[in-house]
């Protein structure tokens, strides 16, 4: 898998991660320094999140900083989960 493929996330992954963290669209948009309409378009994307690559990266970075790990497509489907700490506990913010 290339680095670009590892960066790619689906619109539904963004929505799921935001929901898992109990963040509003306003909160996530602010954390990623993008507009709410831009975030809404990303989340509504069929397949890979649409938008400027720098905006998609900013959203991914904001979600990862908040404790989310993106699970790539690996035969079982792409997803999201809380990142685990080295001690085996969840990294929830």
PDB file of N, CA and C in Angstrom:
ATOM      1  N   UNK A   1       0.851  -1.178   0.000  1.00  0.00           N
ATOM      2  CA  UNK A   1       0.000   0.000   0.000  1.00  0.00           C
ATOM      3  C   UNK A   1       0.896   1.240   0.000  1.00  0.00           C
ATOM      4  N   UNK A   2       0.608   2.184  -0.866  1.00  0.00           N
ATOM      5  CA  UNK A   2       1.421   3.391  -0.953  1.00  0.00           C
ATOM      6  C   UNK A   2       1.071   4.360   0.166  1.00  0.00           C
ATOM      7  N   UNK A   3       1.945   5.341   0.374  1.00  0.00           N
ATOM      8  CA  UNK A   3       1.693   6.354   1.400  1.00  0.00           C
ATOM      9  C   UNK A   3       0.393   7.080   1.110  1.00  0.00           C
ATOM     10  N   UNK A   4       0.149   7.385  -0.176  1.00  0.00           N
ATOM     11  CA  UNK A   4      -1.073   8.086  -0.547  1.00  0.00           C
ATOM     12  C   UNK A   4      -2.294   7.246  -0.191  1.00  0.00           C
ATOM     13  N   UNK A   5      -2.241   5.925  -0.430  1.00  0.00           N
ATOM     14  CA  UNK A   5      -3.345   5.051  -0.076  1.00  0.00           C
ATOM     15  C   UNK A   5      -3.557   5.025   1.434  1.00  0.00           C
ATOM     16  N   UNK A   6      -2.472   5.073   2.203  1.00  0.00           N
ATOM     17  CA  UNK A   6      -2.580   5.055   3.655  1.00  0.00           C
ATOM     18  C   UNK A   6      -3.232   6.331   4.174  1.00  0.00           C
ATOM     19  N   UNK A   7      -3.075   7.448   3.457  1.00  0.00           N
ATOM     20  CA  UNK A   7      -3.676   8.724   3.841  1.00  0.00           C
ATOM     21  C   UNK A   7      -5.157   8.780   3.514  1.00  0.00           C
ATOM     22  N   UNK A   8      -5.581   8.066   2.467  1.00  0.00           N
ATOM     23  CA  UNK A   8      -6.948   8.160   1.982  1.00  0.00           C
ATOM     24  C   UNK A   8      -7.929   7.622   3.023  1.00  0.00           C
ATOM     25  N   UNK A   9      -8.994   8.377   3.224  1.00  0.00           N
ATOM     26  CA  UNK A   9     -10.049   7.934   4.129  1.00  0.00           C
ATOM     27  C   UNK A   9     -11.393   8.155   3.447  1.00  0.00           C
ATOM     28  N   UNK A  10     -12.347   7.390   3.868  1.00  0.00           N
ATOM     29  CA  UNK A  10     -13.686   7.486   3.298  1.00  0.00           C
ATOM     30  C   UNK A  10     -14.516   8.511   4.065  1.00  0.00           C
ATOM     31  N   UNK A  11     -15.466   9.093   3.364  1.00  0.00           N
ATOM     32  CA  UNK A  11     -16.344  10.066   3.996  1.00  0.00           C
ATOM     33  C   UNK A  11     -17.067   9.491   5.200  1.00  0.00           C
ATOM     34  N   UNK A  12     -17.510   8.233   5.088  1.00  0.00           N
ATOM     35  CA  UNK A  12     -18.222   7.605   6.194  1.00  0.00           C
ATOM     36  C   UNK A  12     -17.295   7.338   7.378  1.00  0.00           C
ATOM     37  N   UNK A  13     -15.995   7.143   7.125  1.00  0.00           N
ATOM     38  CA  UNK A  13     -15.043   6.990   8.234  1.00  0.00           C
ATOM     39  C   UNK A  13     -14.944   8.292   9.026  1.00  0.00           C
ATOM     40  N   UNK A  14     -14.945   9.406   8.318  1.00  0.00           N
ATOM     41  CA  UNK A  14     -14.886  10.705   8.997  1.00  0.00           C
ATOM     42  C   UNK A  14     -16.114  10.870   9.888  1.00  0.00           C
ATOM     43  N   UNK A  15     -17.285  10.604   9.330  1.00  0.00           N
ATOM     44  CA  UNK A  15     -18.525  10.742  10.100  1.00  0.00           C
ATOM     45  C   UNK A  15     -18.534   9.793  11.295  1.00  0.00           C
ATOM     46  N   UNK A  16     -18.084   8.567  11.090  1.00  0.00           N
ATOM     47  CA  UNK A  16     -18.063   7.592  12.186  1.00  0.00           C
ATOM     48  C   UNK A  16     -17.088   8.014  13.279  1.00  0.00           C
ATOM     49  N   UNK A  17     -15.915   8.485  12.879  1.00  0.00           N
ATOM     50  CA  UNK A  17     -14.917   8.914  13.863  1.00  0.00           C
ATOM     51  C   UNK A  17     -15.424  10.106  14.660  1.00  0.00           C
ATOM     52  N   UNK A  18     -16.046  11.045  13.979  1.00  0.00           N
ATOM     53  CA  UNK A  18     -16.586  12.226  14.661  1.00  0.00           C
ATOM     54  C   UNK A  18     -17.653  11.807  15.660  1.00  0.00           C
ATOM     55  N   UNK A  19     -18.515  10.883  15.266  1.00  0.00           N
ATOM     56  CA  UNK A  19     -19.568  10.402  16.146  1.00  0.00           C
ATOM     57  C   UNK A  19     -18.978   9.653  17.340  1.00  0.00           C
ATOM     58  N   UNK A  20     -17.976   8.818  17.091  1.00  0.00           N
ATOM     59  CA  UNK A  20     -17.327   8.067  18.163  1.00  0.00           C
ATOM     60  C   UNK A  20     -16.752   9.010  19.222  1.00  0.00           C
ATOM     61  N   UNK A  21     -16.239  10.144  18.787  1.00  0.00           N
ATOM     62  CA  UNK A  21     -15.659  11.132  19.697  1.00  0.00           C
ATOM     63  C   UNK A  21     -16.697  12.087  20.283  1.00  0.00           C
ATOM     64  N   UNK A  22     -17.946  11.967  19.839  1.00  0.00           N
ATOM     65  CA  UNK A  22     -19.029  12.860  20.278  1.00  0.00           C
ATOM     66  C   UNK A  22     -18.718  14.318  19.950  1.00  0.00           C
ATOM     67  N   UNK A  23     -18.153  14.541  18.756  1.00  0.00           N
ATOM     68  CA  UNK A  23     -17.865  15.896  18.295  1.00  0.00           C
ATOM     69  C   UNK A  23     -18.960  16.359  17.346  1.00  0.00           C
ATOM     70  N   UNK A  24     -19.293  17.629  17.415  1.00  0.00           N
ATOM     71  CA  UNK A  24     -20.213  18.197  16.433  1.00  0.00           C
ATOM     72  C   UNK A  24     -19.430  18.499  15.156  1.00  0.00           C
ATOM     73  N   UNK A  25     -20.141  18.720  14.072  1.00  0.00           N
ATOM     74  CA  UNK A  25     -19.463  19.116  12.842  1.00  0.00           C
ATOM     75  C   UNK A  25     -18.748  20.452  13.048  1.00  0.00           C
ATOM     76  N   UNK A  26     -19.346  21.350  13.820  1.00  0.00           N
ATOM     77  CA  UNK A  26     -18.692  22.637  14.103  1.00  0.00           C
ATOM     78  C   UNK A  26     -17.368  22.430  14.830  1.00  0.00           C
ATOM     79  N   UNK A  27     -17.363  21.523  15.820  1.00  0.00           N
ATOM     80  CA  UNK A  27     -16.148  21.262  16.592  1.00  0.00           C
ATOM     81  C   UNK A  27     -15.032  20.694  15.711  1.00  0.00           C
ATOM     82  N   UNK A  28     -15.374  19.695  14.892  1.00  0.00           N
ATOM     83  CA  UNK A  28     -14.353  19.086  14.046  1.00  0.00           C
ATOM     84  C   UNK A  28     -13.868  20.058  12.983  1.00  0.00           C
ATOM     85  N   UNK A  29     -14.774  20.797  12.386  1.00  0.00           N
ATOM     86  CA  UNK A  29     -14.375  21.780  11.378  1.00  0.00           C
ATOM     87  C   UNK A  29     -13.408  22.804  11.980  1.00  0.00           C
ATOM     88  N   UNK A  30     -13.702  23.254  13.177  1.00  0.00           N
ATOM     89  CA  UNK A  30     -12.814  24.219  13.841  1.00  0.00           C
ATOM     90  C   UNK A  30     -11.455  23.596  14.135  1.00  0.00           C
ATOM     91  N   UNK A  31     -11.447  22.355  14.619  1.00  0.00           N
ATOM     92  CA  UNK A  31     -10.183  21.680  14.934  1.00  0.00           C
ATOM     93  C   UNK A  31      -9.333  21.474  13.693  1.00  0.00           C
ATOM     94  N   UNK A  32      -9.981  21.284  12.547  1.00  0.00           N
ATOM     95  CA  UNK A  32      -9.258  21.062  11.293  1.00  0.00           C
ATOM     96  C   UNK A  32      -9.045  22.353  10.504  1.00  0.00           C
ATOM     97  N   UNK A  33      -9.569  23.459  11.003  1.00  0.00           N
ATOM     98  CA  UNK A  33      -9.468  24.768  10.344  1.00  0.00           C
ATOM     99  C   UNK A  33     -10.047  24.730   8.926  1.00  0.00           C
ATOM    100  N   UNK A  34     -11.244  24.124   8.821  1.00  0.00           N
ATOM    101  CA  UNK A  34     -11.971  24.112   7.556  1.00  0.00           C
ATOM    102  C   UNK A  34     -13.393  24.582   7.839  1.00  0.00           C
ATOM    103  N   UNK A  35     -14.165  24.831   6.778  1.00  0.00           N
ATOM    104  CA  UNK A  35     -15.547  25.265   6.972  1.00  0.00           C
ATOM    105  C   UNK A  35     -16.460  24.067   7.224  1.00  0.00           C
ATOM    106  N   UNK A  36     -17.575  24.331   7.873  1.00  0.00           N
ATOM    107  CA  UNK A  36     -18.559  23.282   8.127  1.00  0.00           C
ATOM    108  C   UNK A  36     -19.105  22.723   6.807  1.00  0.00           C
ATOM    109  N   UNK A  37     -19.434  23.569   5.805  1.00  0.00           N
ATOM    110  CA  UNK A  37     -19.904  23.002   4.537  1.00  0.00           C
ATOM    111  C   UNK A  37     -18.872  22.071   3.878  1.00  0.00           C
ATOM    112  N   UNK A  38     -17.588  22.384   4.016  1.00  0.00           N
ATOM    113  CA  UNK A  38     -16.548  21.510   3.473  1.00  0.00           C
ATOM    114  C   UNK A  38     -16.565  20.161   4.178  1.00  0.00           C
ATOM    115  N   UNK A  39     -16.684  20.183   5.500  1.00  0.00           N
ATOM    116  CA  UNK A  39     -16.749  18.936   6.260  1.00  0.00           C
ATOM    117  C   UNK A  39     -17.992  18.142   5.888  1.00  0.00           C
ATOM    118  N   UNK A  40     -19.120  18.811   5.746  1.00  0.00           N
ATOM    119  CA  UNK A  40     -20.360  18.124   5.375  1.00  0.00           C
ATOM    120  C   UNK A  40     -20.214  17.426   4.033  1.00  0.00           C
ATOM    121  N   UNK A  41     -19.569  18.075   3.067  1.00  0.00           N
ATOM    122  CA  UNK A  41     -19.346  17.445   1.754  1.00  0.00           C
ATOM    123  C   UNK A  41     -18.450  16.224   1.882  1.00  0.00           C
ATOM    124  N   UNK A  42     -17.407  16.333   2.706  1.00  0.00           N
ATOM    125  CA  UNK A  42     -16.520  15.184   2.909  1.00  0.00           C
ATOM    126  C   UNK A  42     -17.288  14.006   3.487  1.00  0.00           C
ATOM    127  N   UNK A  43     -18.054  14.248   4.539  1.00  0.00           N
ATOM    128  CA  UNK A  43     -18.795  13.177   5.206  1.00  0.00           C
ATOM    129  C   UNK A  43     -19.847  12.553   4.299  1.00  0.00           C
ATOM    130  N   UNK A  44     -20.399  13.331   3.386  1.00  0.00           N
ATOM    131  CA  UNK A  44     -21.448  12.834   2.489  1.00  0.00           C
ATOM    132  C   UNK A  44     -20.870  12.115   1.269  1.00  0.00           C
ATOM    133  N   UNK A  45     -19.562  12.113   1.126  1.00  0.00           N
ATOM    134  CA  UNK A  45     -18.921  11.487  -0.031  1.00  0.00           C
ATOM    135  C   UNK A  45     -19.211   9.996  -0.083  1.00  0.00           C
ATOM    136  N   UNK A  46     -19.511   9.521  -1.268  1.00  0.00           N
ATOM    137  CA  UNK A  46     -19.595   8.075  -1.508  1.00  0.00           C
ATOM    138  C   UNK A  46     -18.170   7.620  -1.774  1.00  0.00           C
ATOM    139  N   UNK A  47     -17.663   6.717  -1.012  1.00  0.00           N
ATOM    140  CA  UNK A  47     -16.279   6.267  -1.196  1.00  0.00           C
ATOM    141  C   UNK A  47     -15.308   7.219  -0.519  1.00  0.00           C
ATOM    142  N   UNK A  48     -14.180   7.451  -1.164  1.00  0.00           N
ATOM    143  CA  UNK A  48     -13.138   8.297  -0.581  1.00  0.00           C
ATOM    144  C   UNK A  48     -13.657   9.713  -0.342  1.00  0.00           C
ATOM    145  N   UNK A  49     -13.196  10.313   0.740  1.00  0.00           N
ATOM    146  CA  UNK A  49     -13.624  11.670   1.095  1.00  0.00           C
ATOM    147  C   UNK A  49     -13.233  12.631  -0.013  1.00  0.00           C
ATOM    148  N   UNK A  50     -14.202  13.395  -0.480  1.00  0.00           N
ATOM    149  CA  UNK A  50     -13.917  14.375  -1.520  1.00  0.00           C
ATOM    150  C   UNK A  50     -13.440  15.669  -0.878  1.00  0.00           C
ATOM    151  N   UNK A  51     -12.692  16.420  -1.630  1.00  0.00           N
ATOM    152  CA  UNK A  51     -12.208  17.698  -1.139  1.00  0.00           C
ATOM    153  C   UNK A  51     -10.743  17.887  -1.456  1.00  0.00           C
ATOM    154  N   UNK A  52     -10.271  19.059  -1.158  1.00  0.00           N
ATOM    155  CA  UNK A  52      -8.857  19.365  -1.375  1.00  0.00           C
ATOM    156  C   UNK A  52      -8.027  18.439  -0.488  1.00  0.00           C
ATOM    157  N   UNK A  53      -6.960  17.863  -1.030  1.00  0.00           N
ATOM    158  CA  UNK A  53      -6.152  16.931  -0.235  1.00  0.00           C
ATOM    159  C   UNK A  53      -5.682  17.515   1.098  1.00  0.00           C
ATOM    160  N   UNK A  54      -5.336  18.796   1.118  1.00  0.00           N
ATOM    161  CA  UNK A  54      -4.875  19.397   2.371  1.00  0.00           C
ATOM    162  C   UNK A  54      -5.998  19.456   3.403  1.00  0.00           C
ATOM    163  N   UNK A  55      -7.243  19.639   2.958  1.00  0.00           N
ATOM    164  CA  UNK A  55      -8.373  19.658   3.887  1.00  0.00           C
ATOM    165  C   UNK A  55      -8.670  18.271   4.440  1.00  0.00           C
ATOM    166  N   UNK A  56      -8.591  17.258   3.575  1.00  0.00           N
ATOM    167  CA  UNK A  56      -8.811  15.882   4.033  1.00  0.00           C
ATOM    168  C   UNK A  56      -7.719  15.504   5.037  1.00  0.00           C
ATOM    169  N   UNK A  57      -6.480  15.884   4.745  1.00  0.00           N
ATOM    170  CA  UNK A  57      -5.378  15.605   5.687  1.00  0.00           C
ATOM    171  C   UNK A  57      -5.601  16.321   7.013  1.00  0.00           C
ATOM    172  N   UNK A  58      -6.099  17.558   6.967  1.00  0.00           N
ATOM    173  CA  UNK A  58      -6.341  18.323   8.194  1.00  0.00           C
ATOM    174  C   UNK A  58      -7.418  17.657   9.054  1.00  0.00           C
ATOM    175  N   UNK A  59      -8.467  17.145   8.421  1.00  0.00           N
ATOM    176  CA  UNK A  59      -9.526  16.455   9.156  1.00  0.00           C
ATOM    177  C   UNK A  59      -8.978  15.169   9.766  1.00  0.00           C
ATOM    178  N   UNK A  60      -8.234  14.422   8.968  1.00  0.00           N
ATOM    179  CA  UNK A  60      -7.658  13.178   9.482  1.00  0.00           C
ATOM    180  C   UNK A  60      -6.741  13.472  10.666  1.00  0.00           C
ATOM    181  N   UNK A  61      -5.892  14.488  10.542  1.00  0.00           N
ATOM    182  CA  UNK A  61      -4.959  14.842  11.616  1.00  0.00           C
ATOM    183  C   UNK A  61      -5.709  15.253  12.882  1.00  0.00           C
ATOM    184  N   UNK A  62      -6.790  16.009  12.728  1.00  0.00           N
ATOM    185  CA  UNK A  62      -7.568  16.442  13.895  1.00  0.00           C
ATOM    186  C   UNK A  62      -8.199  15.241  14.594  1.00  0.00           C
ATOM    187  N   UNK A  63      -8.721  14.299  13.827  1.00  0.00           N
ATOM    188  CA  UNK A  63      -9.335  13.110  14.414  1.00  0.00           C
ATOM    189  C   UNK A  63      -8.289  12.215  15.069  1.00  0.00           C
ATOM    190  N   UNK A  64      -7.138  12.066  14.432  1.00  0.00           N
ATOM    191  CA  UNK A  64      -6.070  11.256  15.025  1.00  0.00           C
ATOM    192  C   UNK A  64      -5.548  11.908  16.303  1.00  0.00           C
ATOM    193  N   UNK A  65      -5.449  13.240  16.318  1.00  0.00           N
ATOM    194  CA  UNK A  65      -4.997  13.939  17.523  1.00  0.00           C
ATOM    195  C   UNK A  65      -5.990  13.764  18.671  1.00  0.00           C
ATOM    196  N   UNK A  66      -7.253  13.538  18.317  1.00  0.00           N
ATOM    197  CA  UNK A  66      -8.289  13.341  19.325  1.00  0.00           C
ATOM    198  C   UNK A  66      -8.382  11.887  19.790  1.00  0.00           C
ATOM    199  N   UNK A  67      -7.549  11.001  19.221  1.00  0.00           N
ATOM    200  CA  UNK A  67      -7.495   9.624  19.701  1.00  0.00           C
ATOM    201  C   UNK A  67      -8.073   8.570  18.783  1.00  0.00           C
ATOM    202  N   UNK A  68      -8.326   8.921  17.527  1.00  0.00           N
ATOM    203  CA  UNK A  68      -8.897   7.972  16.567  1.00  0.00           C
ATOM    204  C   UNK A  68      -7.795   7.308  15.751  1.00  0.00           C
ATOM    205  N   UNK A  69      -8.002   6.034  15.453  1.00  0.00           N
ATOM    206  CA  UNK A  69      -7.133   5.296  14.531  1.00  0.00           C
ATOM    207  C   UNK A  69      -8.002   4.869  13.356  1.00  0.00           C
ATOM    208  N   UNK A  70      -7.527   5.131  12.151  1.00  0.00           N
ATOM    209  CA  UNK A  70      -8.235   4.719  10.949  1.00  0.00           C
ATOM    210  C   UNK A  70      -7.773   3.328  10.563  1.00  0.00           C
ATOM    211  N   UNK A  71      -8.731   2.455  10.292  1.00  0.00           N
ATOM    212  CA  UNK A  71      -8.448   1.079   9.918  1.00  0.00           C
ATOM    213  C   UNK A  71      -8.614   0.987   8.406  1.00  0.00           C
ATOM    214  N   UNK A  72      -7.551   0.625   7.681  1.00  0.00           N
ATOM    215  CA  UNK A  72      -7.651   0.570   6.221  1.00  0.00           C
ATOM    216  C   UNK A  72      -8.485  -0.621   5.753  1.00  0.00           C
ATOM    217  N   UNK A  73      -8.910  -0.549   4.519  1.00  0.00           N
ATOM    218  CA  UNK A  73      -9.603  -1.667   3.878  1.00  0.00           C
ATOM    219  C   UNK A  73      -8.634  -2.839   3.866  1.00  0.00           C
ATOM    220  N   UNK A  74      -9.033  -3.942   4.444  1.00  0.00           N
ATOM    221  CA  UNK A  74      -8.131  -5.090   4.536  1.00  0.00           C
ATOM    222  C   UNK A  74      -8.877  -6.394   4.325  1.00  0.00           C
ATOM    223  N   UNK A  75      -9.934  -6.308   3.550  1.00  0.00           N
ATOM    224  CA  UNK A  75     -10.752  -7.478   3.334  1.00  0.00           C
ATOM    225  C   UNK A  75     -11.955  -7.523   4.258  1.00  0.00           C
ATOM    226  N   UNK A  76     -11.877  -6.814   5.372  1.00  0.00           N
ATOM    227  CA  UNK A  76     -12.980  -6.778   6.319  1.00  0.00           C
ATOM    228  C   UNK A  76     -13.691  -5.446   6.307  1.00  0.00           C
ATOM    229  N   UNK A  77     -13.238  -4.537   5.509  1.00  0.00           N
ATOM    230  CA  UNK A  77     -13.849  -3.222   5.422  1.00  0.00           C
ATOM    231  C   UNK A  77     -13.099  -2.183   6.233  1.00  0.00           C
ATOM    232  N   UNK A  78     -13.064  -0.972   5.715  1.00  0.00           N
ATOM    233  CA  UNK A  78     -12.414   0.142   6.394  1.00  0.00           C
ATOM    234  C   UNK A  78     -13.230   0.531   7.616  1.00  0.00           C
ATOM    235  N   UNK A  79     -12.572   1.121   8.599  1.00  0.00           N
ATOM    236  CA  UNK A  79     -13.281   1.530   9.799  1.00  0.00           C
ATOM    237  C   UNK A  79     -12.491   2.511  10.628  1.00  0.00           C
ATOM    238  N   UNK A  80     -12.964   2.724  11.847  1.00  0.00           N
ATOM    239  CA  UNK A  80     -12.301   3.598  12.814  1.00  0.00           C
ATOM    240  C   UNK A  80     -12.420   2.962  14.187  1.00  0.00           C
ATOM    241  N   UNK A  81     -11.501   3.322  15.055  1.00  0.00           N
ATOM    242  CA  UNK A  81     -11.560   2.875  16.449  1.00  0.00           C
ATOM    243  C   UNK A  81     -10.725   3.827  17.287  1.00  0.00           C
ATOM    244  N   UNK A  82     -10.916   3.717  18.613  1.00  0.00           N
ATOM    245  CA  UNK A  82     -10.047   4.472  19.505  1.00  0.00           C
ATOM    246  C   UNK A  82      -8.649   3.879  19.417  1.00  0.00           C
ATOM    247  N   UNK A  83      -7.648   4.733  19.401  1.00  0.00           N
ATOM    248  CA  UNK A  83      -6.253   4.289  19.395  1.00  0.00           C
ATOM    249  C   UNK A  83      -5.935   3.694  20.763  1.00  0.00           C
ATOM    250  N   UNK A  84      -5.177   2.619  20.779  1.00  0.00           N
ATOM    251  CA  UNK A  84      -4.772   1.980  22.031  1.00  0.00           C
ATOM    252  C   UNK A  84      -3.411   2.525  22.468  1.00  0.00           C
ATOM    253  N   UNK A  85      -3.264   2.723  23.758  1.00  0.00           N
ATOM    254  CA  UNK A  85      -1.982   3.121  24.329  1.00  0.00           C
ATOM    255  C   UNK A  85      -1.108   1.891  24.488  1.00  0.00           C
ATOM    256  N   UNK A  86       0.146   2.110  24.750  1.00  0.00           N
ATOM    257  CA  UNK A  86       1.092   0.998  24.938  1.00  0.00           C
ATOM    258  C   UNK A  86       0.674   0.108  26.114  1.00  0.00           C
ATOM    259  N   UNK A  87      -0.034   0.686  27.095  1.00  0.00           N
ATOM    260  CA  UNK A  87      -0.442  -0.103  28.257  1.00  0.00           C
ATOM    261  C   UNK A  87      -1.756  -0.867  28.014  1.00  0.00           C
ATOM    262  N   UNK A  88      -2.287  -0.774  26.802  1.00  0.00           N
ATOM    263  CA  UNK A  88      -3.494  -1.508  26.459  1.00  0.00           C
ATOM    264  C   UNK A  88      -4.790  -0.781  26.741  1.00  0.00           C
ATOM    265  N   UNK A  89      -4.721   0.455  27.236  1.00  0.00           N
ATOM    266  CA  UNK A  89      -5.935   1.230  27.486  1.00  0.00           C
ATOM    267  C   UNK A  89      -6.239   2.107  26.278  1.00  0.00           C
ATOM    268  N   UNK A  90      -7.506   2.511  26.161  1.00  0.00           N
ATOM    269  CA  UNK A  90      -7.890   3.357  25.027  1.00  0.00           C
ATOM    270  C   UNK A  90      -7.404   4.767  25.237  1.00  0.00           C
ATOM    271  N   UNK A  91      -7.034   5.398  24.134  1.00  0.00           N
ATOM    272  CA  UNK A  91      -6.567   6.778  24.123  1.00  0.00           C
ATOM    273  C   UNK A  91      -7.747   7.687  23.795  1.00  0.00           C
ATOM    274  N   UNK A  92      -8.621   7.916  24.762  1.00  0.00           N
ATOM    275  CA  UNK A  92      -9.783   8.775  24.577  1.00  0.00           C
ATOM    276  C   UNK A  92      -9.473  10.150  25.154  1.00  0.00           C
ATOM    277  N   UNK A  93      -9.878  11.170  24.420  1.00  0.00           N
ATOM    278  CA  UNK A  93      -9.664  12.551  24.897  1.00  0.00           C
ATOM    279  C   UNK A  93     -10.959  13.124  25.373  1.00  0.00           C
TER     280      UNK A  93
END
